C-alpha atoms as a PDB file:
ATOM      1  CA  MET A   1      44.356 -43.857 -54.501  1.00  0.00           C
ATOM      2  CA  SER A   2      46.069 -47.095 -53.459  1.00  0.00           C
ATOM      3  CA  GLU A   3      47.997 -47.142 -56.728  1.00  0.00           C
ATOM      4  CA  ASP A   4      49.259 -43.605 -56.050  1.00  0.00           C
ATOM      5  CA  VAL A   5      50.413 -44.573 -52.564  1.00  0.00           C
ATOM      6  CA  SER A   6      52.112 -47.665 -53.933  1.00  0.00           C
ATOM      7  CA  GLU A   7      53.921 -45.659 -56.591  1.00  0.00           C
ATOM      8  CA  GLU A   8      55.041 -43.079 -54.037  1.00  0.00           C
ATOM      9  CA  SER A   9      56.417 -45.776 -51.753  1.00  0.00           C
ATOM     10  CA  LYS A  10      58.696 -47.226 -54.428  1.00  0.00           C
ATOM     11  CA  PRO A  11      61.220 -44.344 -54.411  1.00  0.00           C
ATOM     12  CA  ARG A  12      61.320 -44.482 -50.620  1.00  0.00           C
ATOM     13  CA  ARG A  13      62.045 -48.208 -50.681  1.00  0.00           C
ATOM     14  CA  ARG A  14      64.751 -47.698 -53.290  1.00  0.00           C
ATOM     15  CA  GLN A  15      66.236 -44.907 -51.211  1.00  0.00           C
ATOM     16  CA  ALA A  16      66.228 -47.086 -48.086  1.00  0.00           C
ATOM     17  CA  ARG A  17      67.931 -49.922 -49.989  1.00  0.00           C
ATOM     18  CA  GLY A  18      70.491 -47.473 -51.319  1.00  0.00           C
ATOM     19  CA  GLU A  19      71.239 -46.133 -47.845  1.00  0.00           C
ATOM     20  CA  ARG A  20      71.681 -49.656 -46.505  1.00  0.00           C
ATOM     21  CA  ARG A  21      74.036 -50.493 -49.362  1.00  0.00           C
ATOM     22  CA  ILE A  22      76.078 -47.339 -48.756  1.00  0.00           C
ATOM     23  CA  ALA A  23      76.329 -48.185 -45.058  1.00  0.00           C
ATOM     24  CA  GLN A  24      77.446 -51.711 -45.997  1.00  0.00           C
ATOM     25  CA  LEU A  25      80.144 -50.370 -48.329  1.00  0.00           C
ATOM     26  CA  LEU A  26      81.376 -47.821 -45.796  1.00  0.00           C
ATOM     27  CA  GLN A  27      81.663 -50.471 -43.083  1.00  0.00           C
ATOM     28  CA  ALA A  28      83.574 -52.711 -45.473  1.00  0.00           C
ATOM     29  CA  ALA A  29      85.871 -49.812 -46.352  1.00  0.00           C
ATOM     30  CA  ALA A  30      86.452 -49.112 -42.647  1.00  0.00           C
ATOM     31  CA  ASN A  31      87.453 -52.752 -42.101  1.00  0.00           C
ATOM     32  CA  VAL A  32      89.863 -52.777 -45.027  1.00  0.00           C
ATOM     33  CA  PHE A  33      91.362 -49.364 -44.209  1.00  0.00           C
ATOM     34  CA  CYS A  34      92.037 -50.597 -40.659  1.00  0.00           C
ATOM     35  CA  THR A  35      93.748 -53.737 -41.957  1.00  0.00           C
ATOM     36  CA  TYR A  36      95.791 -52.384 -44.849  1.00  0.00           C
ATOM     37  CA  GLY A  37      95.725 -48.602 -44.542  1.00  0.00           C
ATOM     38  CA  TYR A  38      94.249 -46.149 -47.016  1.00  0.00           C
ATOM     39  CA  THR A  39      97.103 -46.241 -49.531  1.00  0.00           C
ATOM     40  CA  ALA A  40      97.201 -50.031 -49.922  1.00  0.00           C
ATOM     41  CA  THR A  41      93.422 -50.415 -50.124  1.00  0.00           C
ATOM     42  CA  SER A  42      91.701 -50.920 -53.480  1.00  0.00           C
ATOM     43  CA  THR A  43      88.068 -50.654 -54.492  1.00  0.00           C
ATOM     44  CA  ASN A  44      88.168 -54.359 -55.391  1.00  0.00           C
ATOM     45  CA  ALA A  45      89.231 -55.189 -51.828  1.00  0.00           C
ATOM     46  CA  ILE A  46      86.369 -53.090 -50.454  1.00  0.00           C
ATOM     47  CA  ALA A  47      83.896 -54.816 -52.783  1.00  0.00           C
ATOM     48  CA  ARG A  48      85.142 -58.236 -51.672  1.00  0.00           C
ATOM     49  CA  GLU A  49      84.807 -57.253 -48.014  1.00  0.00           C
ATOM     50  CA  ALA A  50      81.244 -56.068 -48.671  1.00  0.00           C
ATOM     51  CA  SER A  51      80.448 -59.264 -50.648  1.00  0.00           C
ATOM     52  CA  VAL A  52      79.366 -57.273 -53.696  1.00  0.00           C
ATOM     53  CA  SER A  53      80.704 -56.948 -57.201  1.00  0.00           C
ATOM     54  CA  PRO A  54      82.961 -54.016 -58.160  1.00  0.00           C
ATOM     55  CA  GLY A  55      80.167 -52.902 -60.492  1.00  0.00           C
ATOM     56  CA  THR A  56      77.780 -52.623 -57.571  1.00  0.00           C
ATOM     57  CA  LEU A  57      80.306 -50.532 -55.659  1.00  0.00           C
ATOM     58  CA  TYR A  58      80.739 -48.165 -58.620  1.00  0.00           C
ATOM     59  CA  GLN A  59      76.996 -47.541 -58.666  1.00  0.00           C
ATOM     60  CA  TYR A  60      77.468 -45.658 -55.402  1.00  0.00           C
ATOM     61  CA  PHE A  61      81.091 -44.454 -55.393  1.00  0.00           C
ATOM     62  CA  PRO A  62      83.252 -43.590 -58.415  1.00  0.00           C
ATOM     63  CA  ASN A  63      86.549 -44.390 -56.684  1.00  0.00           C
ATOM     64  CA  LYS A  64      88.329 -45.073 -53.400  1.00  0.00           C
ATOM     65  CA  GLU A  65      88.768 -41.373 -52.671  1.00  0.00           C
ATOM     66  CA  ALA A  66      85.006 -40.789 -52.758  1.00  0.00           C
ATOM     67  CA  ILE A  67      84.501 -43.639 -50.283  1.00  0.00           C
ATOM     68  CA  ALA A  68      87.152 -42.239 -47.960  1.00  0.00           C
ATOM     69  CA  ILE A  69      85.630 -38.746 -48.125  1.00  0.00           C
ATOM     70  CA  GLU A  70      82.142 -40.008 -47.286  1.00  0.00           C
ATOM     71  CA  LEU A  71      83.445 -42.197 -44.460  1.00  0.00           C
ATOM     72  CA  GLY A  72      85.710 -39.451 -43.155  1.00  0.00           C
ATOM     73  CA  GLU A  73      82.970 -36.834 -43.143  1.00  0.00           C
ATOM     74  CA  ARG A  74      80.636 -39.126 -41.203  1.00  0.00           C
ATOM     75  CA  LEU A  75      83.369 -39.862 -38.660  1.00  0.00           C
ATOM     76  CA  LEU A  76      84.269 -36.192 -38.311  1.00  0.00           C
ATOM     77  CA  HIS A  77      80.609 -35.344 -37.748  1.00  0.00           C
ATOM     78  CA  GLU A  78      80.443 -37.893 -34.928  1.00  0.00           C
ATOM     79  CA  MET A  79      83.709 -36.580 -33.505  1.00  0.00           C
ATOM     80  CA  ARG A  80      82.384 -33.018 -33.513  1.00  0.00           C
ATOM     81  CA  GLU A  81      79.326 -34.210 -31.617  1.00  0.00           C
ATOM     82  CA  ALA A  82      81.526 -35.902 -29.014  1.00  0.00           C
ATOM     83  CA  HIS A  83      83.582 -32.723 -28.799  1.00  0.00           C
ATOM     84  CA  GLY A  84      80.460 -30.625 -28.292  1.00  0.00           C
ATOM     85  CA  GLN A  85      79.190 -32.882 -25.517  1.00  0.00           C
ATOM     86  CA  ALA A  86      82.535 -32.797 -23.697  1.00  0.00           C
ATOM     87  CA  PHE A  87      83.433 -29.118 -23.712  1.00  0.00           C
ATOM     88  CA  THR A  88      80.350 -27.391 -22.342  1.00  0.00           C
ATOM     89  CA  PRO A  89      80.151 -24.388 -19.970  1.00  0.00           C
ATOM     90  CA  GLY A  90      78.437 -26.598 -17.417  1.00  0.00           C
ATOM     91  CA  ASN A  91      81.300 -29.093 -17.437  1.00  0.00           C
ATOM     92  CA  LEU A  92      83.791 -26.325 -16.655  1.00  0.00           C
ATOM     93  CA  ALA A  93      82.192 -25.997 -13.228  1.00  0.00           C
ATOM     94  CA  LEU A  94      83.099 -29.597 -12.363  1.00  0.00           C
ATOM     95  CA  PRO A  95      86.100 -30.519 -10.220  1.00  0.00           C
ATOM     96  CA  LEU A  96      89.093 -31.446 -12.359  1.00  0.00           C
ATOM     97  CA  PRO A  97      88.813 -35.257 -11.887  1.00  0.00           C
ATOM     98  CA  GLU A  98      85.156 -35.202 -12.957  1.00  0.00           C
ATOM     99  CA  LEU A  99      85.918 -32.820 -15.802  1.00  0.00           C
ATOM    100  CA  LEU A 100      88.523 -35.259 -17.094  1.00  0.00           C
ATOM    101  CA  ASP A 101      85.921 -38.034 -17.004  1.00  0.00           C
ATOM    102  CA  VAL A 102      83.352 -36.125 -19.081  1.00  0.00           C
ATOM    103  CA  VAL A 103      85.988 -34.938 -21.573  1.00  0.00           C
ATOM    104  CA  VAL A 104      88.178 -38.014 -21.922  1.00  0.00           C
ATOM    105  CA  ASP A 105      85.519 -40.748 -21.831  1.00  0.00           C
ATOM    106  CA  PRO A 106      83.576 -39.656 -24.976  1.00  0.00           C
ATOM    107  CA  MET A 107      86.818 -39.218 -26.926  1.00  0.00           C
ATOM    108  CA  ILE A 108      88.101 -42.646 -25.946  1.00  0.00           C
ATOM    109  CA  GLU A 109      84.713 -44.260 -26.597  1.00  0.00           C
ATOM    110  CA  PHE A 110      84.574 -42.731 -30.081  1.00  0.00           C
ATOM    111  CA  ASN A 111      88.069 -43.948 -31.004  1.00  0.00           C
ATOM    112  CA  CYS A 112      87.474 -47.431 -29.576  1.00  0.00           C
ATOM    113  CA  GLU A 113      84.251 -47.755 -31.564  1.00  0.00           C
ATOM    114  CA  ASN A 114      85.832 -46.283 -34.727  1.00  0.00           C
ATOM    115  CA  PRO A 115      89.438 -47.524 -35.021  1.00  0.00           C
ATOM    116  CA  VAL A 116      89.357 -46.544 -38.680  1.00  0.00           C
ATOM    117  CA  PHE A 117      89.375 -42.875 -37.627  1.00  0.00           C
ATOM    118  CA  LEU A 118      93.094 -42.868 -36.807  1.00  0.00           C
ATOM    119  CA  ALA A 119      93.920 -45.227 -39.677  1.00  0.00           C
ATOM    120  CA  LEU A 120      92.191 -42.954 -42.172  1.00  0.00           C
ATOM    121  CA  MET A 121      93.131 -39.549 -40.787  1.00  0.00           C
ATOM    122  CA  HIS A 122      96.809 -40.384 -40.384  1.00  0.00           C
ATOM    123  CA  GLY A 123      97.351 -42.103 -43.722  1.00  0.00           C
ATOM    124  CA  SER A 124     100.052 -40.794 -46.003  1.00  0.00           C
ATOM    125  CA  GLU A 125      97.698 -40.192 -48.939  1.00  0.00           C
ATOM    126  CA  VAL A 126      94.455 -39.231 -47.238  1.00  0.00           C
ATOM    127  CA  PRO A 127      92.283 -37.035 -49.509  1.00  0.00           C
ATOM    128  CA  GLY A 128      93.100 -33.383 -48.929  1.00  0.00           C
ATOM    129  CA  ARG A 129      89.514 -32.445 -48.144  1.00  0.00           C
ATOM    130  CA  ILE A 130      89.422 -34.880 -45.231  1.00  0.00           C
ATOM    131  CA  ALA A 131      92.860 -33.810 -44.011  1.00  0.00           C
ATOM    132  CA  GLU A 132      91.761 -30.164 -43.995  1.00  0.00           C
ATOM    133  CA  GLU A 133      88.585 -30.918 -42.036  1.00  0.00           C
ATOM    134  CA  HIS A 134      90.564 -33.040 -39.578  1.00  0.00           C
ATOM    135  CA  ASP A 135      93.088 -30.225 -39.088  1.00  0.00           C
ATOM    136  CA  ALA A 136      90.230 -27.790 -38.414  1.00  0.00           C
ATOM    137  CA  LEU A 137      88.742 -30.170 -35.845  1.00  0.00           C
ATOM    138  CA  HIS A 138      92.142 -30.604 -34.215  1.00  0.00           C
ATOM    139  CA  ALA A 139      92.515 -26.821 -33.973  1.00  0.00           C
ATOM    140  CA  ASN A 140      89.069 -26.523 -32.383  1.00  0.00           C
ATOM    141  CA  LEU A 141      89.932 -29.195 -29.834  1.00  0.00           C
ATOM    142  CA  LEU A 142      93.126 -27.387 -28.898  1.00  0.00           C
ATOM    143  CA  THR A 143      91.168 -24.147 -28.511  1.00  0.00           C
ATOM    144  CA  SER A 144      88.748 -25.907 -26.173  1.00  0.00           C
ATOM    145  CA  VAL A 145      91.621 -27.286 -24.100  1.00  0.00           C
ATOM    146  CA  ARG A 146      93.137 -23.785 -23.872  1.00  0.00           C
ATOM    147  CA  ASP A 147      89.778 -22.467 -22.676  1.00  0.00           C
ATOM    148  CA  VAL A 148      89.724 -25.094 -19.918  1.00  0.00           C
ATOM    149  CA  ILE A 149      93.231 -24.120 -18.868  1.00  0.00           C
ATOM    150  CA  ALA A 150      92.288 -20.439 -18.881  1.00  0.00           C
ATOM    151  CA  HIS A 151      89.316 -21.247 -16.642  1.00  0.00           C
ATOM    152  CA  PHE A 152      91.498 -22.914 -14.014  1.00  0.00           C
ATOM    153  CA  ALA A 153      94.533 -20.638 -14.406  1.00  0.00           C
ATOM    154  CA  PRO A 154      93.361 -17.246 -15.722  1.00  0.00           C
ATOM    155  CA  THR A 155      96.682 -15.528 -14.933  1.00  0.00           C
ATOM    156  CA  LEU A 156      98.654 -17.607 -17.429  1.00  0.00           C
ATOM    157  CA  SER A 157      99.727 -15.892 -20.611  1.00  0.00           C
ATOM    158  CA  PRO A 158      98.286 -17.019 -23.968  1.00  0.00           C
ATOM    159  CA  GLU A 159     101.674 -18.542 -24.805  1.00  0.00           C
ATOM    160  CA  GLU A 160     101.707 -20.548 -21.563  1.00  0.00           C
ATOM    161  CA  ARG A 161      98.147 -21.747 -22.098  1.00  0.00           C
ATOM    162  CA  ALA A 162      98.991 -22.825 -25.634  1.00  0.00           C
ATOM    163  CA  ARG A 163     102.082 -24.719 -24.461  1.00  0.00           C
ATOM    164  CA  ILE A 164     100.190 -26.537 -21.701  1.00  0.00           C
ATOM    165  CA  ALA A 165      97.327 -27.322 -24.086  1.00  0.00           C
ATOM    166  CA  ASP A 166      99.739 -28.779 -26.643  1.00  0.00           C
ATOM    167  CA  MET A 167     101.358 -30.957 -23.974  1.00  0.00           C
ATOM    168  CA  THR A 168      97.977 -32.072 -22.602  1.00  0.00           C
ATOM    169  CA  PHE A 169      96.823 -33.081 -26.064  1.00  0.00           C
ATOM    170  CA  ALA A 170     100.108 -34.890 -26.741  1.00  0.00           C
ATOM    171  CA  ILE A 171      99.736 -36.839 -23.491  1.00  0.00           C
ATOM    172  CA  PHE A 172      96.188 -37.801 -24.436  1.00  0.00           C
ATOM    173  CA  LYS A 173      97.157 -38.908 -27.954  1.00  0.00           C
ATOM    174  CA  GLY A 174     100.041 -40.994 -26.625  1.00  0.00           C
ATOM    175  CA  GLY A 175      97.827 -42.604 -24.008  1.00  0.00           C
ATOM    176  CA  LEU A 176      95.076 -43.183 -26.563  1.00  0.00           C
ATOM    177  CA  GLY A 177      97.435 -45.355 -28.596  1.00  0.00           C
ATOM    178  CA  LEU A 178      98.039 -47.531 -25.530  1.00  0.00           C
ATOM    179  CA  VAL A 179      94.298 -47.680 -24.810  1.00  0.00           C
ATOM    180  CA  LEU A 180      93.495 -48.855 -28.334  1.00  0.00           C
ATOM    181  CA  ALA A 181      96.254 -51.469 -28.173  1.00  0.00           C
ATOM    182  CA  ALA A 182      95.027 -52.858 -24.836  1.00  0.00           C
ATOM    183  CA  PRO A 183      92.625 -55.836 -24.875  1.00  0.00           C
ATOM    184  CA  GLU A 184      89.018 -54.931 -24.155  1.00  0.00           C
ATOM    185  CA  GLY A 185      87.914 -55.416 -20.593  1.00  0.00           C
ATOM    186  CA  ALA A 186      89.914 -55.027 -17.397  1.00  0.00           C
ATOM    187  CA  GLU A 187      93.218 -54.265 -19.142  1.00  0.00           C
ATOM    188  CA  ARG A 188      91.737 -51.482 -21.263  1.00  0.00           C
ATOM    189  CA  ASP A 189      89.874 -50.050 -18.277  1.00  0.00           C
ATOM    190  CA  ALA A 190      93.107 -50.001 -16.280  1.00  0.00           C
ATOM    191  CA  THR A 191      94.935 -48.266 -19.121  1.00  0.00           C
ATOM    192  CA  ILE A 192      92.216 -45.604 -19.348  1.00  0.00           C
ATOM    193  CA  ALA A 193      92.453 -45.043 -15.576  1.00  0.00           C
ATOM    194  CA  GLU A 194      96.227 -44.687 -15.870  1.00  0.00           C
ATOM    195  CA  LEU A 195      95.870 -42.129 -18.653  1.00  0.00           C
ATOM    196  CA  LYS A 196      93.487 -40.070 -16.533  1.00  0.00           C
ATOM    197  CA  THR A 197      95.919 -40.276 -13.611  1.00  0.00           C
ATOM    198  CA  VAL A 198      98.731 -38.900 -15.775  1.00  0.00           C
ATOM    199  CA  LEU A 199      96.530 -36.058 -17.033  1.00  0.00           C
ATOM    200  CA  LEU A 200      95.314 -35.286 -13.515  1.00  0.00           C
ATOM    201  CA  ARG A 201      98.826 -35.113 -12.098  1.00  0.00           C
ATOM    202  CA  TYR A 202      99.953 -32.878 -14.935  1.00  0.00           C
ATOM    203  CA  LEU A 203      96.996 -30.500 -14.714  1.00  0.00           C
ATOM    204  CA  SER A 204      96.385 -30.449 -10.945  1.00  0.00           C
ATOM    205  CA  PRO A 205      98.880 -27.607 -10.335  1.00  0.00           C
ATOM    206  CA  LEU A 206      96.612 -25.398 -12.443  1.00  0.00           C
ATOM    207  CA  VAL A 207      93.834 -25.891  -9.923  1.00  0.00           C
ATOM    208  CA  ASP A 208      95.810 -25.538  -6.688  1.00  0.00           C
ATOM    209  CA  GLY A 209      97.807 -22.593  -8.001  1.00  0.00           C
ATOM    210  CA  THR A 210     101.228 -24.225  -7.856  1.00  0.00           C
ATOM    211  CA  VAL A 211     101.747 -24.377 -11.621  1.00  0.00           C
ATOM    212  CA  THR A 212     105.217 -23.282 -12.643  1.00  0.00           C
ATOM    213  CA  THR A 213     105.941 -21.576 -15.917  1.00  0.00           C
ATOM    214  CA  THR A 214     109.042 -21.588 -18.056  1.00  0.00           C
ATOM    215  CA  PRO A 215     110.966 -18.345 -17.480  1.00  0.00           C
ATOM    216  CA  THR A 216     111.467 -16.157 -20.512  1.00  0.00           C
ATOM    217  CA  ARG A 217     114.908 -15.003 -21.483  1.00  0.00           C
END
């Protein structure tokens, strides 16, 4: 009986070691992608960062693209979870300043904890599979922002909601770059507060009913 249990535990131990090694390689890849970008990164550089031989790396990933796909899919999964926690029906009932907190904070936290996300997703030669999944996530985020705008300003046309959503997202992306560039601590906190102030001032007219729309010709 004990021999059977021992034999059964061996595959589990091997699997656990394999998962730890994969996590080690993915973290090394994230570090190198952040430093050099996807295009300039090589599997040898990733192996060096992980302190393993190239042969060890190839036991788990056949090439750099496979590493990027695995890393990208894990990041996108985490991003979808952050998205799901931010845009909930319950959050729509919050006042706009509090709504901005519960939407913006998880997105900023994710990007601060995973700087490789932008480095990988915006690379010039990112694997097409990852680019497609990122584009789908981006479209879903824009849809969620449009839904928020429709909640506060239901009389706006679909075209107006789409335009305001695009501008809101552009403001956030621009501010996010400044947040990531700011040193951690008081300076980053101040930059995040400034970003929320900009978003609040832009979106407040939707709440008080003074939003102006571009006249059609």
